[in-house]
């Protein structure tokens, strides 16, 4: 698989709506976007590959586990 660009979201995302209720707002996306994907952002036909969607869900699930202290180690044993 070729190396795909990654990075922070520097545009005005929906996260701007949380500025009044959150002390810290992080603008990033765990989606690996290929150059042809980037041409669709922003737009009326935004979409990502199914494999990227599944990877994004796994990332968010792991992030929640880590931030709540419920994460297991890499080998699956509880911490």
PDB file of N, CA and C in Angstrom:
ATOM      1  N   UNK A   1       0.846  -1.172   0.000  1.00  0.00           N
ATOM      2  CA  UNK A   1       0.000   0.000   0.000  1.00  0.00           C
ATOM      3  C   UNK A   1       0.894   1.238   0.000  1.00  0.00           C
ATOM      4  N   UNK A   2       0.617   2.212  -0.866  1.00  0.00           N
ATOM      5  CA  UNK A   2       1.444   3.413  -0.903  1.00  0.00           C
ATOM      6  C   UNK A   2       1.234   4.255   0.343  1.00  0.00           C
ATOM      7  N   UNK A   3       2.223   5.061   0.657  1.00  0.00           N
ATOM      8  CA  UNK A   3       2.114   5.967   1.797  1.00  0.00           C
ATOM      9  C   UNK A   3       1.077   7.036   1.488  1.00  0.00           C
ATOM     10  N   UNK A   4       0.164   7.244   2.420  1.00  0.00           N
ATOM     11  CA  UNK A   4      -0.891   8.221   2.221  1.00  0.00           C
ATOM     12  C   UNK A   4      -0.696   9.408   3.144  1.00  0.00           C
ATOM     13  N   UNK A   5      -1.126  10.601   2.720  1.00  0.00           N
ATOM     14  CA  UNK A   5      -0.934  11.780   3.562  1.00  0.00           C
ATOM     15  C   UNK A   5      -1.761  11.702   4.835  1.00  0.00           C
ATOM     16  N   UNK A   6      -1.223  12.246   5.917  1.00  0.00           N
ATOM     17  CA  UNK A   6      -1.907  12.319   7.198  1.00  0.00           C
ATOM     18  C   UNK A   6      -1.699  13.714   7.748  1.00  0.00           C
ATOM     19  N   UNK A   7      -2.578  14.136   8.637  1.00  0.00           N
ATOM     20  CA  UNK A   7      -2.337  15.433   9.238  1.00  0.00           C
ATOM     21  C   UNK A   7      -3.501  15.940  10.053  1.00  0.00           C
ATOM     22  N   UNK A   8      -3.275  17.081  10.631  1.00  0.00           N
ATOM     23  CA  UNK A   8      -4.303  17.745  11.413  1.00  0.00           C
ATOM     24  C   UNK A   8      -5.302  18.417  10.493  1.00  0.00           C
ATOM     25  N   UNK A   9      -6.492  18.605  11.017  1.00  0.00           N
ATOM     26  CA  UNK A   9      -7.514  19.351  10.291  1.00  0.00           C
ATOM     27  C   UNK A   9      -7.322  20.819  10.620  1.00  0.00           C
ATOM     28  N   UNK A  10      -6.984  21.619   9.667  1.00  0.00           N
ATOM     29  CA  UNK A  10      -6.771  23.039   9.925  1.00  0.00           C
ATOM     30  C   UNK A  10      -7.946  23.880   9.443  1.00  0.00           C
ATOM     31  N   UNK A  11      -8.885  23.257   8.794  1.00  0.00           N
ATOM     32  CA  UNK A  11     -10.057  23.975   8.296  1.00  0.00           C
ATOM     33  C   UNK A  11     -11.091  24.125   9.407  1.00  0.00           C
ATOM     34  N   UNK A  12     -12.125  24.863   9.139  1.00  0.00           N
ATOM     35  CA  UNK A  12     -13.211  25.056  10.104  1.00  0.00           C
ATOM     36  C   UNK A  12     -14.139  23.844  10.044  1.00  0.00           C
ATOM     37  N   UNK A  13     -13.893  22.887  10.919  1.00  0.00           N
ATOM     38  CA  UNK A  13     -14.705  21.685  10.964  1.00  0.00           C
ATOM     39  C   UNK A  13     -15.887  21.905  11.901  1.00  0.00           C
ATOM     40  N   UNK A  14     -16.728  20.900  12.052  1.00  0.00           N
ATOM     41  CA  UNK A  14     -17.848  20.991  12.995  1.00  0.00           C
ATOM     42  C   UNK A  14     -17.379  21.184  14.427  1.00  0.00           C
ATOM     43  N   UNK A  15     -16.114  20.903  14.692  1.00  0.00           N
ATOM     44  CA  UNK A  15     -15.598  21.054  16.048  1.00  0.00           C
ATOM     45  C   UNK A  15     -15.672  22.492  16.536  1.00  0.00           C
ATOM     46  N   UNK A  16     -15.795  23.442  15.634  1.00  0.00           N
ATOM     47  CA  UNK A  16     -15.899  24.845  16.054  1.00  0.00           C
ATOM     48  C   UNK A  16     -17.136  25.084  16.915  1.00  0.00           C
ATOM     49  N   UNK A  17     -18.137  24.227  16.792  1.00  0.00           N
ATOM     50  CA  UNK A  17     -19.357  24.377  17.582  1.00  0.00           C
ATOM     51  C   UNK A  17     -19.161  23.981  19.047  1.00  0.00           C
ATOM     52  N   UNK A  18     -18.046  23.343  19.363  1.00  0.00           N
ATOM     53  CA  UNK A  18     -17.784  22.908  20.732  1.00  0.00           C
ATOM     54  C   UNK A  18     -16.923  23.900  21.509  1.00  0.00           C
ATOM     55  N   UNK A  19     -16.472  24.952  20.887  1.00  0.00           N
ATOM     56  CA  UNK A  19     -15.568  25.907  21.529  1.00  0.00           C
ATOM     57  C   UNK A  19     -16.152  26.501  22.807  1.00  0.00           C
ATOM     58  N   UNK A  20     -17.455  26.718  22.858  1.00  0.00           N
ATOM     59  CA  UNK A  20     -18.077  27.315  24.039  1.00  0.00           C
ATOM     60  C   UNK A  20     -18.308  26.322  25.175  1.00  0.00           C
ATOM     61  N   UNK A  21     -18.237  25.028  24.886  1.00  0.00           N
ATOM     62  CA  UNK A  21     -18.543  24.040  25.924  1.00  0.00           C
ATOM     63  C   UNK A  21     -17.373  23.127  26.267  1.00  0.00           C
ATOM     64  N   UNK A  22     -16.263  23.283  25.577  1.00  0.00           N
ATOM     65  CA  UNK A  22     -15.101  22.423  25.831  1.00  0.00           C
ATOM     66  C   UNK A  22     -13.851  23.281  26.013  1.00  0.00           C
ATOM     67  N   UNK A  23     -13.039  22.909  26.981  1.00  0.00           N
ATOM     68  CA  UNK A  23     -11.792  23.633  27.210  1.00  0.00           C
ATOM     69  C   UNK A  23     -10.773  23.369  26.108  1.00  0.00           C
ATOM     70  N   UNK A  24     -10.778  22.152  25.575  1.00  0.00           N
ATOM     71  CA  UNK A  24      -9.819  21.789  24.547  1.00  0.00           C
ATOM     72  C   UNK A  24     -10.548  21.064  23.415  1.00  0.00           C
ATOM     73  N   UNK A  25     -10.317  21.506  22.208  1.00  0.00           N
ATOM     74  CA  UNK A  25     -10.903  20.867  21.032  1.00  0.00           C
ATOM     75  C   UNK A  25      -9.758  20.502  20.100  1.00  0.00           C
ATOM     76  N   UNK A  26      -9.666  19.225  19.769  1.00  0.00           N
ATOM     77  CA  UNK A  26      -8.609  18.740  18.886  1.00  0.00           C
ATOM     78  C   UNK A  26      -9.204  18.493  17.511  1.00  0.00           C
ATOM     79  N   UNK A  27      -8.601  19.093  16.511  1.00  0.00           N
ATOM     80  CA  UNK A  27      -9.095  18.956  15.148  1.00  0.00           C
ATOM     81  C   UNK A  27      -8.175  18.013  14.375  1.00  0.00           C
ATOM     82  N   UNK A  28      -8.588  16.767  14.304  1.00  0.00           N
ATOM     83  CA  UNK A  28      -7.825  15.795  13.545  1.00  0.00           C
ATOM     84  C   UNK A  28      -8.800  14.749  13.029  1.00  0.00           C
ATOM     85  N   UNK A  29      -8.351  14.009  12.073  1.00  0.00           N
ATOM     86  CA  UNK A  29      -9.154  12.916  11.566  1.00  0.00           C
ATOM     87  C   UNK A  29      -8.265  11.694  11.408  1.00  0.00           C
ATOM     88  N   UNK A  30      -8.719  10.546  11.875  1.00  0.00           N
ATOM     89  CA  UNK A  30      -7.918   9.335  11.737  1.00  0.00           C
ATOM     90  C   UNK A  30      -8.130   8.636  10.398  1.00  0.00           C
ATOM     91  N   UNK A  31      -8.456   9.384   9.379  1.00  0.00           N
ATOM     92  CA  UNK A  31      -8.714   8.817   8.056  1.00  0.00           C
ATOM     93  C   UNK A  31      -7.466   8.979   7.189  1.00  0.00           C
ATOM     94  N   UNK A  32      -7.099   7.918   6.544  1.00  0.00           N
ATOM     95  CA  UNK A  32      -6.006   7.985   5.576  1.00  0.00           C
ATOM     96  C   UNK A  32      -6.617   8.321   4.226  1.00  0.00           C
ATOM     97  N   UNK A  33      -6.358   9.521   3.768  1.00  0.00           N
ATOM     98  CA  UNK A  33      -6.966   9.988   2.524  1.00  0.00           C
ATOM     99  C   UNK A  33      -5.943   9.970   1.397  1.00  0.00           C
ATOM    100  N   UNK A  34      -6.333   9.372   0.301  1.00  0.00           N
ATOM    101  CA  UNK A  34      -5.503   9.373  -0.900  1.00  0.00           C
ATOM    102  C   UNK A  34      -5.760  10.678  -1.654  1.00  0.00           C
ATOM    103  N   UNK A  35      -4.882  11.051  -2.559  1.00  0.00           N
ATOM    104  CA  UNK A  35      -5.076  12.304  -3.306  1.00  0.00           C
ATOM    105  C   UNK A  35      -6.457  12.406  -3.968  1.00  0.00           C
ATOM    106  N   UNK A  36      -6.967  11.312  -4.495  1.00  0.00           N
ATOM    107  CA  UNK A  36      -8.297  11.379  -5.125  1.00  0.00           C
ATOM    108  C   UNK A  36      -9.408  11.593  -4.092  1.00  0.00           C
ATOM    109  N   UNK A  37      -9.156  11.182  -2.837  1.00  0.00           N
ATOM    110  CA  UNK A  37     -10.129  11.430  -1.774  1.00  0.00           C
ATOM    111  C   UNK A  37     -10.156  12.910  -1.413  1.00  0.00           C
ATOM    112  N   UNK A  38      -8.986  13.526  -1.361  1.00  0.00           N
ATOM    113  CA  UNK A  38      -8.887  14.923  -0.950  1.00  0.00           C
ATOM    114  C   UNK A  38      -9.650  15.853  -1.878  1.00  0.00           C
ATOM    115  N   UNK A  39      -9.790  15.479  -3.133  1.00  0.00           N
ATOM    116  CA  UNK A  39     -10.521  16.319  -4.084  1.00  0.00           C
ATOM    117  C   UNK A  39     -12.000  16.421  -3.733  1.00  0.00           C
ATOM    118  N   UNK A  40     -12.500  15.498  -2.911  1.00  0.00           N
ATOM    119  CA  UNK A  40     -13.922  15.507  -2.539  1.00  0.00           C
ATOM    120  C   UNK A  40     -14.193  16.273  -1.247  1.00  0.00           C
ATOM    121  N   UNK A  41     -13.150  16.792  -0.595  1.00  0.00           N
ATOM    122  CA  UNK A  41     -13.322  17.508   0.672  1.00  0.00           C
ATOM    123  C   UNK A  41     -13.069  18.983   0.487  1.00  0.00           C
ATOM    124  N   UNK A  42     -13.876  19.895   0.907  1.00  0.00           N
ATOM    125  CA  UNK A  42     -15.271  19.662   1.255  1.00  0.00           C
ATOM    126  C   UNK A  42     -16.094  19.609  -0.016  1.00  0.00           C
ATOM    127  N   UNK A  43     -17.253  19.063   0.090  1.00  0.00           N
ATOM    128  CA  UNK A  43     -18.122  18.978  -1.075  1.00  0.00           C
ATOM    129  C   UNK A  43     -19.395  18.237  -0.776  1.00  0.00           C
ATOM    130  N   UNK A  44     -20.230  18.127  -1.765  1.00  0.00           N
ATOM    131  CA  UNK A  44     -21.519  17.450  -1.587  1.00  0.00           C
ATOM    132  C   UNK A  44     -21.396  15.942  -1.766  1.00  0.00           C
ATOM    133  N   UNK A  45     -20.229  15.460  -2.161  1.00  0.00           N
ATOM    134  CA  UNK A  45     -20.046  14.039  -2.400  1.00  0.00           C
ATOM    135  C   UNK A  45     -18.879  13.508  -1.568  1.00  0.00           C
ATOM    136  N   UNK A  46     -18.778  13.955  -0.308  1.00  0.00           N
ATOM    137  CA  UNK A  46     -17.696  13.502   0.551  1.00  0.00           C
ATOM    138  C   UNK A  46     -17.895  12.036   0.890  1.00  0.00           C
ATOM    139  N   UNK A  47     -16.817  11.270   0.800  1.00  0.00           N
ATOM    140  CA  UNK A  47     -16.887   9.851   1.170  1.00  0.00           C
ATOM    141  C   UNK A  47     -15.479   9.334   1.361  1.00  0.00           C
ATOM    142  N   UNK A  48     -15.383   8.238   2.090  1.00  0.00           N
ATOM    143  CA  UNK A  48     -14.105   7.571   2.292  1.00  0.00           C
ATOM    144  C   UNK A  48     -14.288   6.100   1.964  1.00  0.00           C
ATOM    145  N   UNK A  49     -13.196   5.417   1.816  1.00  0.00           N
ATOM    146  CA  UNK A  49     -13.257   3.981   1.533  1.00  0.00           C
ATOM    147  C   UNK A  49     -13.764   3.233   2.758  1.00  0.00           C
ATOM    148  N   UNK A  50     -14.437   2.119   2.547  1.00  0.00           N
ATOM    149  CA  UNK A  50     -14.990   1.314   3.623  1.00  0.00           C
ATOM    150  C   UNK A  50     -13.904   0.863   4.604  1.00  0.00           C
ATOM    151  N   UNK A  51     -12.760   0.455   4.080  1.00  0.00           N
ATOM    152  CA  UNK A  51     -11.656   0.034   4.945  1.00  0.00           C
ATOM    153  C   UNK A  51     -11.190   1.193   5.833  1.00  0.00           C
ATOM    154  N   UNK A  52     -11.170   2.406   5.293  1.00  0.00           N
ATOM    155  CA  UNK A  52     -10.791   3.574   6.089  1.00  0.00           C
ATOM    156  C   UNK A  52     -11.822   3.859   7.170  1.00  0.00           C
ATOM    157  N   UNK A  53     -13.087   3.642   6.868  1.00  0.00           N
ATOM    158  CA  UNK A  53     -14.154   3.857   7.845  1.00  0.00           C
ATOM    159  C   UNK A  53     -13.992   2.893   9.020  1.00  0.00           C
ATOM    160  N   UNK A  54     -13.715   1.630   8.729  1.00  0.00           N
ATOM    161  CA  UNK A  54     -13.503   0.644   9.785  1.00  0.00           C
ATOM    162  C   UNK A  54     -12.275   1.001  10.616  1.00  0.00           C
ATOM    163  N   UNK A  55     -11.221   1.454   9.968  1.00  0.00           N
ATOM    164  CA  UNK A  55     -10.009   1.852  10.674  1.00  0.00           C
ATOM    165  C   UNK A  55     -10.288   3.065  11.572  1.00  0.00           C
ATOM    166  N   UNK A  56     -11.089   3.998  11.104  1.00  0.00           N
ATOM    167  CA  UNK A  56     -11.441   5.172  11.892  1.00  0.00           C
ATOM    168  C   UNK A  56     -12.228   4.769  13.146  1.00  0.00           C
ATOM    169  N   UNK A  57     -13.141   3.831  13.006  1.00  0.00           N
ATOM    170  CA  UNK A  57     -13.911   3.350  14.152  1.00  0.00           C
ATOM    171  C   UNK A  57     -12.995   2.690  15.176  1.00  0.00           C
ATOM    172  N   UNK A  58     -12.059   1.852  14.708  1.00  0.00           N
ATOM    173  CA  UNK A  58     -11.113   1.209  15.626  1.00  0.00           C
ATOM    174  C   UNK A  58     -10.269   2.246  16.357  1.00  0.00           C
ATOM    175  N   UNK A  59      -9.831   3.266  15.636  1.00  0.00           N
ATOM    176  CA  UNK A  59      -9.031   4.320  16.248  1.00  0.00           C
ATOM    177  C   UNK A  59      -9.832   5.036  17.335  1.00  0.00           C
ATOM    178  N   UNK A  60     -11.056   5.444  17.026  1.00  0.00           N
ATOM    179  CA  UNK A  60     -11.878   6.168  18.001  1.00  0.00           C
ATOM    180  C   UNK A  60     -12.191   5.295  19.213  1.00  0.00           C
ATOM    181  N   UNK A  61     -12.463   4.030  18.987  1.00  0.00           N
ATOM    182  CA  UNK A  61     -12.728   3.104  20.089  1.00  0.00           C
ATOM    183  C   UNK A  61     -11.508   3.009  20.993  1.00  0.00           C
ATOM    184  N   UNK A  62     -10.345   2.865  20.403  1.00  0.00           N
ATOM    185  CA  UNK A  62      -9.108   2.763  21.194  1.00  0.00           C
ATOM    186  C   UNK A  62      -8.829   4.073  21.937  1.00  0.00           C
ATOM    187  N   UNK A  63      -9.060   5.196  21.294  1.00  0.00           N
ATOM    188  CA  UNK A  63      -8.852   6.492  21.930  1.00  0.00           C
ATOM    189  C   UNK A  63      -9.741   6.642  23.165  1.00  0.00           C
ATOM    190  N   UNK A  64     -10.995   6.219  23.056  1.00  0.00           N
ATOM    191  CA  UNK A  64     -11.918   6.279  24.194  1.00  0.00           C
ATOM    192  C   UNK A  64     -11.439   5.343  25.299  1.00  0.00           C
ATOM    193  N   UNK A  65     -11.017   4.146  24.937  1.00  0.00           N
ATOM    194  CA  UNK A  65     -10.506   3.206  25.937  1.00  0.00           C
ATOM    195  C   UNK A  65      -9.314   3.787  26.696  1.00  0.00           C
ATOM    196  N   UNK A  66      -8.391   4.370  25.962  1.00  0.00           N
ATOM    197  CA  UNK A  66      -7.198   4.923  26.590  1.00  0.00           C
ATOM    198  C   UNK A  66      -7.555   6.110  27.476  1.00  0.00           C
ATOM    199  N   UNK A  67      -8.427   6.979  26.990  1.00  0.00           N
ATOM    200  CA  UNK A  67      -8.751   8.184  27.751  1.00  0.00           C
ATOM    201  C   UNK A  67      -9.605   7.893  28.978  1.00  0.00           C
ATOM    202  N   UNK A  68     -10.297   6.768  29.014  1.00  0.00           N
ATOM    203  CA  UNK A  68     -11.115   6.422  30.177  1.00  0.00           C
ATOM    204  C   UNK A  68     -10.428   5.424  31.095  1.00  0.00           C
ATOM    205  N   UNK A  69      -9.241   4.985  30.729  1.00  0.00           N
ATOM    206  CA  UNK A  69      -8.499   4.053  31.559  1.00  0.00           C
ATOM    207  C   UNK A  69      -8.997   2.624  31.455  1.00  0.00           C
ATOM    208  N   UNK A  70      -9.756   2.298  30.435  1.00  0.00           N
ATOM    209  CA  UNK A  70     -10.279   0.936  30.277  1.00  0.00           C
ATOM    210  C   UNK A  70      -9.519   0.151  29.211  1.00  0.00           C
ATOM    211  N   UNK A  71      -8.430   0.715  28.718  1.00  0.00           N
ATOM    212  CA  UNK A  71      -7.682   0.062  27.643  1.00  0.00           C
ATOM    213  C   UNK A  71      -6.916  -1.138  28.153  1.00  0.00           C
ATOM    214  N   UNK A  72      -6.877  -2.173  27.342  1.00  0.00           N
ATOM    215  CA  UNK A  72      -6.039  -3.334  27.645  1.00  0.00           C
ATOM    216  C   UNK A  72      -4.698  -3.122  26.951  1.00  0.00           C
ATOM    217  N   UNK A  73      -3.745  -3.928  27.294  1.00  0.00           N
ATOM    218  CA  UNK A  73      -2.448  -3.839  26.646  1.00  0.00           C
ATOM    219  C   UNK A  73      -2.564  -4.339  25.211  1.00  0.00           C
ATOM    220  N   UNK A  74      -1.518  -4.194  24.474  1.00  0.00           N
ATOM    221  CA  UNK A  74      -1.533  -4.596  23.061  1.00  0.00           C
ATOM    222  C   UNK A  74      -1.849  -6.081  22.909  1.00  0.00           C
ATOM    223  N   UNK A  75      -1.390  -6.918  23.867  1.00  0.00           N
ATOM    224  CA  UNK A  75      -1.651  -8.355  23.753  1.00  0.00           C
ATOM    225  C   UNK A  75      -3.043  -8.747  24.263  1.00  0.00           C
ATOM    226  N   UNK A  76      -3.852  -7.780  24.701  1.00  0.00           N
ATOM    227  CA  UNK A  76      -5.215  -8.060  25.106  1.00  0.00           C
ATOM    228  C   UNK A  76      -5.435  -8.265  26.603  1.00  0.00           C
ATOM    229  N   UNK A  77      -4.333  -8.287  27.373  1.00  0.00           N
ATOM    230  CA  UNK A  77      -4.501  -8.464  28.805  1.00  0.00           C
ATOM    231  C   UNK A  77      -4.852  -7.127  29.461  1.00  0.00           C
ATOM    232  N   UNK A  78      -5.730  -7.146  30.476  1.00  0.00           N
ATOM    233  CA  UNK A  78      -6.128  -5.882  31.124  1.00  0.00           C
ATOM    234  C   UNK A  78      -4.938  -5.221  31.800  1.00  0.00           C
ATOM    235  N   UNK A  79      -4.982  -3.910  31.859  1.00  0.00           N
ATOM    236  CA  UNK A  79      -3.916  -3.152  32.553  1.00  0.00           C
ATOM    237  C   UNK A  79      -4.307  -2.927  33.980  1.00  0.00           C
TER     238      UNK A  79
END
